[in-house]
């Protein structure tokens, strides 16, 4: 069972990164305003590049949903998993369904392609938050299938939660600002780094361009907090710090290179790995070792 959830977690990363490729390549409207069909058909015989990219995303997402239903059913009806593991599995199921509904909203409302509306930015931010919670739920299932220790009691649990709350909050803000920055780079690509900075502070620029400068600032603050709080003597603590620095450096390179698609996908993959390690590390901090 644990192996199945670990495979799902890896597959989740693929679906997330491919979804970003759909957005970055402008393929979000590759199947038209149809969902879950593609141009009204369940199977496609020939297609353009955009249609193929979007169709692969839908097919992989559909398989993901089936995988989730299978694993959740297996976990719910098995006797060995703890109540916490089953609750986390329910979270995976719930946020998977919500993820598909958000995707449907994007397509059916045509908030894809070159759509520059505020509604698209808002729905994308909700999409990002839901994705992070979905991944965290998957990590929690794996954690509680392996760890049987009890949560810390009373003041110790509250102290640990309050200590890591700023990191989690800043991670969410960094993720949201990153999603907006990526969307801004897709809709309003810059010809050079200097012109990009000029656009950031130009009063006539769209608001999504003006706010993208917040992303590197949030990322720097997040990395600083991780280095300050994480214990490098623990395996996950070391990985937490290394991945934080790596994500920051790759993000800066992505900025300098004017966000080419391959670099966006690499950056996103590293950030998702960072989030997985962060959740594992914080959950370890919440349990009382005996």
Protein backbone atom coordinates (compact mmCIF):
# COMPACT_ATOMS: atom_id res chain seq x y z
CA UNK A 1 0.00 0.00 0.00
CA UNK A 2 2.79 2.43 0.90
CA UNK A 3 4.47 1.74 -2.43
CA UNK A 4 1.25 2.61 -4.25
CA UNK A 5 0.99 5.98 -2.50
CA UNK A 6 4.65 6.72 -3.25
CA UNK A 7 4.10 5.94 -6.93
CA UNK A 8 1.06 8.23 -6.87
CA UNK A 9 3.18 11.03 -5.41
CA UNK A 10 5.72 10.71 -8.23
CA UNK A 11 2.91 10.58 -10.79
CA UNK A 12 1.41 13.69 -9.19
CA UNK A 13 4.62 15.58 -9.97
CA UNK A 14 4.37 14.54 -13.62
CA UNK A 15 0.75 15.71 -13.89
CA UNK A 16 1.59 19.04 -12.23
CA UNK A 17 4.60 19.73 -14.45
CA UNK A 18 2.73 18.72 -17.60
CA UNK A 19 -0.12 21.00 -16.57
CA UNK A 20 2.38 23.85 -16.38
CA UNK A 21 3.60 22.90 -19.86
CA UNK A 22 0.02 23.20 -21.09
CA UNK A 23 -0.15 26.75 -19.76
CA UNK A 24 3.35 27.80 -20.85
CA UNK A 25 2.91 26.45 -24.39
CA UNK A 26 -0.45 28.14 -24.80
CA UNK A 27 -2.21 24.79 -25.24
CA UNK A 28 -4.93 25.26 -22.64
CA UNK A 29 -7.55 25.77 -25.34
CA UNK A 30 -6.27 22.86 -27.43
CA UNK A 31 -9.51 20.93 -26.92
CA UNK A 32 -11.77 23.94 -27.28
CA UNK A 33 -14.42 24.83 -24.70
CA UNK A 34 -15.20 21.14 -24.10
CA UNK A 35 -14.73 19.08 -20.93
CA UNK A 36 -14.07 16.25 -20.31
CA UNK A 37 -14.21 15.55 -24.05
CA UNK A 38 -11.76 17.06 -26.55
CA UNK A 39 -13.63 18.93 -29.28
CA UNK A 40 -16.61 16.79 -28.36
CA UNK A 41 -14.78 13.45 -28.74
CA UNK A 42 -13.34 11.11 -26.14
CA UNK A 43 -10.59 9.93 -28.51
CA UNK A 44 -8.68 11.96 -31.07
CA UNK A 45 -7.25 10.49 -34.28
CA UNK A 46 -5.24 13.48 -35.50
CA UNK A 47 -4.51 16.73 -33.75
CA UNK A 48 -2.48 19.91 -33.70
CA UNK A 49 0.40 20.33 -31.25
CA UNK A 50 -1.82 22.29 -28.83
CA UNK A 51 -4.58 19.69 -28.95
CA UNK A 52 -2.13 16.84 -28.39
CA UNK A 53 -0.56 18.59 -25.38
CA UNK A 54 -3.93 19.32 -23.78
CA UNK A 55 -5.27 15.84 -24.55
CA UNK A 56 -2.26 14.17 -22.91
CA UNK A 57 -2.88 16.31 -19.83
CA UNK A 58 -6.52 15.27 -19.68
CA UNK A 59 -5.74 11.61 -20.25
CA UNK A 60 -3.01 11.56 -17.60
CA UNK A 61 -5.30 13.43 -15.18
CA UNK A 62 -8.07 10.90 -15.82
CA UNK A 63 -5.71 8.02 -15.05
CA UNK A 64 -4.60 9.90 -11.96
CA UNK A 65 -8.19 10.09 -10.74
CA UNK A 66 -8.67 6.34 -11.22
CA UNK A 67 -5.42 5.68 -9.35
CA UNK A 68 -6.61 7.87 -6.47
CA UNK A 69 -10.00 6.11 -6.23
CA UNK A 70 -8.28 2.72 -6.18
CA UNK A 71 -5.73 3.66 -3.50
CA UNK A 72 -8.31 5.45 -1.34
CA UNK A 73 -10.67 2.47 -1.49
CA UNK A 74 -7.82 0.14 -0.58
CA UNK A 75 -6.81 2.38 2.33
CA UNK A 76 -10.35 2.96 3.64
CA UNK A 77 -11.29 -0.72 3.72
CA UNK A 78 -7.99 -2.01 5.10
CA UNK A 79 -7.60 -2.53 8.84
CA UNK A 80 -3.91 -1.70 9.19
CA UNK A 81 -3.86 2.04 8.27
CA UNK A 82 -4.29 4.44 11.20
CA UNK A 83 -7.24 6.88 11.35
CA UNK A 84 -4.81 9.69 10.46
CA UNK A 85 -3.70 7.85 7.31
CA UNK A 86 -7.32 7.30 6.30
CA UNK A 87 -8.16 10.96 6.95
CA UNK A 88 -5.21 12.04 4.80
CA UNK A 89 -6.35 9.62 2.07
CA UNK A 90 -9.80 11.22 2.16
CA UNK A 91 -8.03 14.57 1.73
CA UNK A 92 -6.30 13.27 -1.40
CA UNK A 93 -9.65 12.11 -2.80
CA UNK A 94 -11.43 15.38 -1.94
CA UNK A 95 -8.77 17.68 -3.36
CA UNK A 96 -8.38 15.51 -6.46
CA UNK A 97 -12.08 15.98 -7.20
CA UNK A 98 -11.76 19.70 -6.49
CA UNK A 99 -8.72 19.87 -8.76
CA UNK A 100 -10.69 18.40 -11.66
CA UNK A 101 -13.55 20.85 -11.07
CA UNK A 102 -11.14 23.78 -11.11
CA UNK A 103 -9.64 22.47 -14.36
CA UNK A 104 -13.12 22.19 -15.81
CA UNK A 105 -13.85 25.77 -14.77
CA UNK A 106 -10.74 27.01 -16.54
CA UNK A 107 -11.66 25.23 -19.77
CA UNK A 108 -15.44 25.78 -19.86
CA UNK A 109 -15.06 29.46 -18.97
CA UNK A 110 -12.26 29.75 -21.55
CA UNK A 111 -9.78 31.00 -18.94
CA UNK A 112 -6.92 29.55 -20.98
CA UNK A 113 -4.73 30.38 -23.96
CA UNK A 114 -4.25 34.13 -24.22
CA UNK A 115 -7.11 35.04 -21.87
CA UNK A 116 -5.93 38.02 -19.78
CA UNK A 117 -8.93 38.41 -17.46
CA UNK A 118 -8.70 38.82 -13.70
CA UNK A 119 -10.89 35.74 -13.34
CA UNK A 120 -8.17 33.59 -14.88
CA UNK A 121 -5.56 34.86 -12.43
CA UNK A 122 -7.88 34.26 -9.47
CA UNK A 123 -8.81 30.73 -10.54
CA UNK A 124 -5.13 29.92 -11.19
CA UNK A 125 -4.23 31.01 -7.66
CA UNK A 126 -6.99 28.80 -6.26
CA UNK A 127 -5.69 26.01 -8.50
CA UNK A 128 -2.18 26.44 -7.08
CA UNK A 129 -3.35 26.38 -3.45
CA UNK A 130 -5.47 23.30 -4.07
CA UNK A 131 -2.53 21.54 -5.74
CA UNK A 132 -0.25 22.23 -2.77
CA UNK A 133 -2.85 20.88 -0.33
CA UNK A 134 -3.38 17.82 -2.55
CA UNK A 135 0.35 17.07 -2.57
CA UNK A 136 0.55 17.64 1.19
CA UNK A 137 -2.31 15.19 1.73
CA UNK A 138 -0.49 12.57 -0.34
CA UNK A 139 2.66 13.11 1.71
CA UNK A 140 0.63 12.82 4.93
CA UNK A 141 -0.76 9.44 3.86
CA UNK A 142 2.75 8.09 3.28
CA UNK A 143 3.95 9.59 6.56
CA UNK A 144 1.14 8.13 8.69
CA UNK A 145 1.44 4.73 7.03
CA UNK A 146 5.06 4.62 8.19
CA UNK A 147 5.08 6.61 11.44
CA UNK A 148 3.07 5.35 14.40
CA UNK A 149 4.31 7.91 16.95
CA UNK A 150 1.78 10.15 18.65
CA UNK A 151 1.54 13.89 18.17
CA UNK A 152 3.26 16.07 20.73
CA UNK A 153 0.88 17.14 23.44
CA UNK A 154 -0.35 20.52 24.60
CA UNK A 155 2.01 23.45 24.50
CA UNK A 156 4.72 21.59 22.54
CA UNK A 157 2.38 20.93 19.61
CA UNK A 158 1.12 24.53 19.62
CA UNK A 159 4.68 25.86 19.79
CA UNK A 160 5.79 23.73 16.85
CA UNK A 161 2.77 24.71 14.78
CA UNK A 162 3.25 28.41 15.52
CA UNK A 163 6.95 28.13 14.72
CA UNK A 164 6.31 26.70 11.25
CA UNK A 165 3.19 28.72 10.46
CA UNK A 166 5.21 31.65 9.02
CA UNK A 167 7.11 29.24 6.75
CA UNK A 168 3.90 27.62 5.47
CA UNK A 169 2.24 31.00 4.98
CA UNK A 170 5.26 32.36 3.12
CA UNK A 171 5.40 29.21 1.00
CA UNK A 172 1.79 29.80 -0.06
CA UNK A 173 2.51 33.45 -0.86
CA UNK A 174 5.61 32.48 -2.81
CA UNK A 175 3.64 29.88 -4.74
CA UNK A 176 0.79 32.28 -5.54
CA UNK A 177 3.15 35.04 -6.64
CA UNK A 178 5.08 32.48 -8.69
CA UNK A 179 1.90 31.34 -10.45
CA UNK A 180 1.02 34.95 -11.25
CA UNK A 181 4.57 35.65 -12.45
CA UNK A 182 4.50 32.59 -14.70
CA UNK A 183 1.14 33.61 -16.14
CA UNK A 184 2.45 37.15 -16.68
CA UNK A 185 5.52 35.81 -18.49
CA UNK A 186 3.26 33.73 -20.73
CA UNK A 187 0.81 36.51 -21.57
CA UNK A 188 3.30 39.40 -21.70
CA UNK A 189 6.75 38.02 -22.61
CA UNK A 190 9.68 40.42 -22.26
CA UNK A 191 12.22 41.05 -25.00
CA UNK A 192 15.04 41.55 -22.50
CA UNK A 193 15.69 41.53 -18.77
CA UNK A 194 15.92 45.33 -18.66
CA UNK A 195 12.64 45.77 -20.50
CA UNK A 196 11.09 43.25 -18.14
CA UNK A 197 12.12 45.34 -15.14
CA UNK A 198 10.79 48.45 -16.87
CA UNK A 199 7.46 46.72 -17.38
CA UNK A 200 7.35 45.77 -13.69
CA UNK A 201 7.41 49.44 -12.65
CA UNK A 202 5.53 50.96 -15.58
CA UNK A 203 2.22 52.44 -14.30
CA UNK A 204 0.53 51.44 -17.56
CA UNK A 205 1.50 47.75 -17.24
CA UNK A 206 -1.20 45.20 -16.35
CA UNK A 207 -1.41 44.49 -12.61
CA UNK A 208 -0.23 40.91 -13.11
CA UNK A 209 3.08 42.31 -14.40
CA UNK A 210 3.41 44.78 -11.54
CA UNK A 211 3.02 42.09 -8.85
CA UNK A 212 5.50 39.58 -10.30
CA UNK A 213 8.39 41.43 -8.65
CA UNK A 214 7.03 40.20 -5.31
CA UNK A 215 7.86 36.59 -6.20
CA UNK A 216 11.68 36.78 -5.89
CA UNK A 217 11.31 38.78 -2.64
CA UNK A 218 8.99 36.15 -1.14
CA UNK A 219 11.33 33.39 -2.36
CA UNK A 220 14.34 35.04 -0.71
CA UNK A 221 12.48 35.48 2.60
CA UNK A 222 11.28 31.87 2.47
CA UNK A 223 14.80 30.55 1.89
CA UNK A 224 16.07 32.68 4.78
CA UNK A 225 13.42 31.29 7.15
CA UNK A 226 14.11 27.71 6.08
CA UNK A 227 17.84 28.11 6.72
CA UNK A 228 17.04 29.67 10.10
CA UNK A 229 14.53 27.05 11.30
CA UNK A 230 15.58 23.77 9.66
CA UNK A 231 17.90 21.45 11.53
CA UNK A 232 20.68 20.41 9.10
CA UNK A 233 21.57 17.47 11.37
CA UNK A 234 18.41 15.68 10.22
CA UNK A 235 18.10 14.14 6.75
CA UNK A 236 14.96 16.06 5.81
CA UNK A 237 16.40 19.21 7.37
CA UNK A 238 19.46 19.05 5.10
CA UNK A 239 17.29 18.34 2.05
CA UNK A 240 14.98 21.21 3.07
CA UNK A 241 17.84 23.71 3.08
CA UNK A 242 19.52 22.40 -0.10
CA UNK A 243 16.27 22.36 -2.09
CA UNK A 244 15.36 25.85 -0.86
CA UNK A 245 18.68 27.25 -2.07
CA UNK A 246 18.41 25.29 -5.33
CA UNK A 247 14.90 26.59 -6.00
CA UNK A 248 16.04 30.14 -5.33
CA UNK A 249 19.07 29.86 -7.65
CA UNK A 250 17.11 28.16 -10.44
CA UNK A 251 14.40 30.81 -10.06
CA UNK A 252 16.96 33.58 -10.52
CA UNK A 253 18.40 31.83 -13.59
CA UNK A 254 14.87 31.49 -14.94
CA UNK A 255 14.43 35.24 -14.48
CA UNK A 256 17.69 36.08 -16.25
CA UNK A 257 16.88 33.75 -19.16
CA UNK A 258 13.44 35.37 -19.53
CA UNK A 259 11.57 32.27 -18.38
CA UNK A 260 11.98 29.75 -21.22
CA UNK A 261 9.47 26.91 -20.96
CA UNK A 262 12.02 24.22 -20.07
CA UNK A 263 13.36 26.39 -17.26
CA UNK A 264 9.88 27.10 -15.93
CA UNK A 265 9.18 23.38 -15.76
CA UNK A 266 12.49 22.64 -14.03
CA UNK A 267 11.84 25.37 -11.49
CA UNK A 268 8.33 24.09 -10.81
CA UNK A 269 9.56 20.52 -10.39
CA UNK A 270 12.18 21.59 -7.85
CA UNK A 271 9.65 23.71 -5.95
CA UNK A 272 7.22 20.78 -5.75
CA UNK A 273 10.02 18.55 -4.43
CA UNK A 274 10.80 21.27 -1.90
CA UNK A 275 7.15 21.31 -0.81
CA UNK A 276 7.16 17.52 -0.37
CA UNK A 277 10.29 17.65 1.79
CA UNK A 278 8.85 20.60 3.75
CA UNK A 279 5.67 18.68 4.61
CA UNK A 280 7.64 15.56 5.59
CA UNK A 281 9.97 17.64 7.75
CA UNK A 282 7.21 19.55 9.53
CA UNK A 283 5.18 16.39 10.18
CA UNK A 284 8.29 14.88 11.77
CA UNK A 285 8.48 17.93 14.00
CA UNK A 286 4.89 17.40 15.13
CA UNK A 287 5.29 13.85 16.42
CA UNK A 288 6.69 12.81 19.76
CA UNK A 289 9.52 10.32 19.28
CA UNK A 290 9.78 7.56 21.87
